Amino acid sequence: MPTAASRMKAPALSFVAMLCLASPAFADIVARVNIASQRMVLIVDGNVEAIWKVSTAGRGYRTPRGSYRPTVLRRMHYSSKYENAPMPHSVFFRGGYAVHGTDHVRSLGRPVSHGCIRLAPRNAAMLYHLIRQHGRRATRIVIS
């Protein structure tokens, strides 16, 4: 006979947790950033998992194009160049350039950054946690 405790529902898993649990440890992760469309396509093991709005470099700034592996992951980073601006879930890929979360979500979909690739906070967290789980060597950031 089930007890009261066994009849309780398990807590709902977050989307990030479900994605991490469903992905094998050897997953290939590709974050494809299209500067013209201001979109990132997240591909895990060859399957499109998400398409997100981003913000890349605005007028007078540059987002580097190319294919990169993440170099440094920081759960919370503060920009030493831009007035200690918070950069949550930073994935650095070339020197000071990173993919990171932003509070300026209304600007997503338009080129307004100083060169980094900005994502909505929840999306940046998902990407960050996937990379932490599967490794930097299994990850590519492709910018075109």
Protein backbone atom coordinates (compact mmCIF):
# COMPACT_ATOMS: atom_id res chain seq x y z
CA MET A 1 0.00 0.00 0.00
CA PRO A 2 1.50 3.37 -0.99
CA THR A 3 2.44 5.72 1.79
CA ALA A 4 1.70 9.43 1.77
CA ALA A 5 5.36 10.11 0.99
CA SER A 6 5.38 7.74 -2.00
CA ARG A 7 2.25 9.40 -3.44
CA MET A 8 3.93 12.82 -3.48
CA LYS A 9 4.92 13.97 -6.93
CA ALA A 10 8.61 14.37 -7.71
CA PRO A 11 9.68 17.99 -8.20
CA ALA A 12 9.60 19.16 -11.79
CA LEU A 13 12.98 19.23 -13.48
CA SER A 14 14.09 22.44 -15.10
CA PHE A 15 14.57 22.48 -18.85
CA VAL A 16 18.34 22.73 -18.34
CA ALA A 17 18.34 19.67 -16.06
CA MET A 18 16.22 17.65 -18.49
CA LEU A 19 18.46 18.57 -21.42
CA CYS A 20 21.57 17.63 -19.45
CA LEU A 21 20.08 14.32 -18.30
CA ALA A 22 18.89 13.44 -21.79
CA SER A 23 22.26 14.17 -23.44
CA PRO A 24 25.00 11.56 -23.49
CA ALA A 25 28.32 12.54 -21.93
CA PHE A 26 30.05 12.49 -25.34
CA ALA A 27 27.68 15.00 -26.94
CA ASP A 28 29.03 17.40 -29.51
CA ILE A 29 27.82 20.92 -28.86
CA VAL A 30 27.80 23.55 -31.59
CA ALA A 31 26.62 27.10 -30.96
CA ARG A 32 26.18 28.67 -34.43
CA VAL A 33 25.88 32.44 -34.35
CA ASN A 34 24.61 34.23 -37.44
CA ILE A 35 25.51 37.90 -37.19
CA ALA A 36 23.17 38.93 -40.02
CA SER A 37 20.09 37.35 -38.42
CA GLN A 38 21.21 37.96 -34.80
CA ARG A 39 20.40 34.35 -33.92
CA MET A 40 22.18 31.43 -32.30
CA VAL A 41 21.30 27.87 -33.21
CA LEU A 42 22.25 25.40 -30.48
CA ILE A 43 23.02 21.95 -31.86
CA VAL A 44 23.62 18.97 -29.57
CA ASP A 45 24.69 15.69 -31.16
CA GLY A 46 23.53 16.93 -34.56
CA ASN A 47 20.05 17.88 -33.34
CA VAL A 48 18.82 21.47 -33.17
CA GLU A 49 17.90 21.98 -29.52
CA ALA A 50 17.19 25.72 -29.55
CA ILE A 51 17.22 28.89 -31.61
CA TRP A 52 17.81 32.06 -29.62
CA LYS A 53 18.04 35.78 -30.29
CA VAL A 54 21.47 37.27 -29.63
CA SER A 55 23.10 40.67 -29.73
CA THR A 56 26.49 41.00 -31.35
CA ALA A 57 28.71 44.02 -31.97
CA GLY A 58 27.03 47.34 -32.59
CA ARG A 59 28.35 50.16 -34.75
CA GLY A 60 32.02 50.85 -34.10
CA TYR A 61 32.65 47.44 -32.50
CA ARG A 62 33.45 43.98 -33.85
CA THR A 63 32.41 40.41 -33.09
CA PRO A 64 35.10 38.07 -34.44
CA ARG A 65 34.01 35.58 -37.06
CA GLY A 66 35.36 32.04 -37.14
CA SER A 67 35.19 28.72 -35.33
CA TYR A 68 36.34 28.60 -31.71
CA ARG A 69 36.52 26.30 -28.72
CA PRO A 70 35.63 27.78 -25.33
CA THR A 71 38.74 28.76 -23.39
CA VAL A 72 37.38 29.84 -19.99
CA LEU A 73 34.01 29.40 -18.29
CA ARG A 74 32.94 31.78 -15.51
CA ARG A 75 29.62 31.50 -13.71
CA MET A 76 29.78 35.24 -13.00
CA HIS A 77 32.26 37.63 -14.55
CA TYR A 78 32.42 41.40 -14.25
CA SER A 79 33.87 43.34 -17.17
CA SER A 80 37.09 45.13 -16.31
CA LYS A 81 36.75 47.10 -19.55
CA TYR A 82 33.11 48.26 -19.35
CA GLU A 83 32.36 49.63 -15.86
CA ASN A 84 32.16 46.26 -14.08
CA ALA A 85 29.19 45.23 -16.23
CA PRO A 86 27.89 41.82 -15.08
CA MET A 87 28.41 38.97 -17.53
CA PRO A 88 26.62 35.94 -16.06
CA HIS A 89 27.40 32.47 -17.41
CA SER A 90 30.35 33.68 -19.49
CA VAL A 91 31.86 31.37 -22.08
CA PHE A 92 35.06 33.02 -23.29
CA PHE A 93 36.19 31.91 -26.73
CA ARG A 94 38.78 34.44 -27.93
CA GLY A 95 40.65 36.67 -25.49
CA GLY A 96 38.08 38.99 -23.89
CA TYR A 97 35.24 37.92 -26.21
CA ALA A 98 32.53 35.77 -24.64
CA VAL A 99 29.03 34.47 -24.99
CA HIS A 100 27.19 35.58 -21.85
CA GLY A 101 23.86 36.49 -20.33
CA THR A 102 22.53 40.04 -20.30
CA ASP A 103 19.91 42.05 -18.48
CA HIS A 104 19.31 44.00 -21.70
CA VAL A 105 16.93 41.40 -23.13
CA ARG A 106 14.93 44.01 -25.04
CA SER A 107 18.02 44.59 -27.20
CA LEU A 108 18.35 40.94 -28.20
CA GLY A 109 17.93 40.49 -31.93
CA ARG A 110 19.84 43.73 -32.66
CA PRO A 111 23.60 44.40 -32.90
CA VAL A 112 24.29 46.54 -29.82
CA SER A 113 27.10 44.85 -27.85
CA HIS A 114 30.75 45.85 -27.58
CA GLY A 115 31.68 42.64 -29.40
CA CYS A 116 30.54 39.87 -27.08
CA ILE A 117 27.57 37.67 -27.91
CA ARG A 118 24.73 38.41 -25.52
CA LEU A 119 21.97 35.93 -24.67
CA ALA A 120 18.91 35.97 -22.44
CA PRO A 121 20.00 34.89 -18.93
CA ARG A 122 18.17 31.54 -19.03
CA ASN A 123 19.67 30.68 -22.43
CA ALA A 124 23.18 31.65 -21.33
CA ALA A 125 22.78 29.42 -18.26
CA MET A 126 21.68 26.49 -20.41
CA LEU A 127 24.65 26.85 -22.76
CA TYR A 128 27.07 27.28 -19.85
CA HIS A 129 25.80 24.16 -18.05
CA LEU A 130 25.88 22.04 -21.21
CA ILE A 131 29.48 23.02 -21.84
CA ARG A 132 30.43 22.35 -18.19
CA GLN A 133 28.84 18.91 -18.40
CA HIS A 134 30.23 17.84 -21.77
CA GLY A 135 33.50 19.73 -21.83
CA ARG A 136 35.11 22.54 -23.75
CA ARG A 137 36.75 20.11 -26.19
CA ALA A 138 33.32 18.80 -27.24
CA THR A 139 32.10 22.34 -27.94
CA ARG A 140 32.40 24.68 -30.90
CA ILE A 141 31.28 28.29 -31.20
CA VAL A 142 30.89 29.12 -34.88
CA ILE A 143 30.33 32.76 -35.82
CA SER A 144 29.49 33.84 -39.35
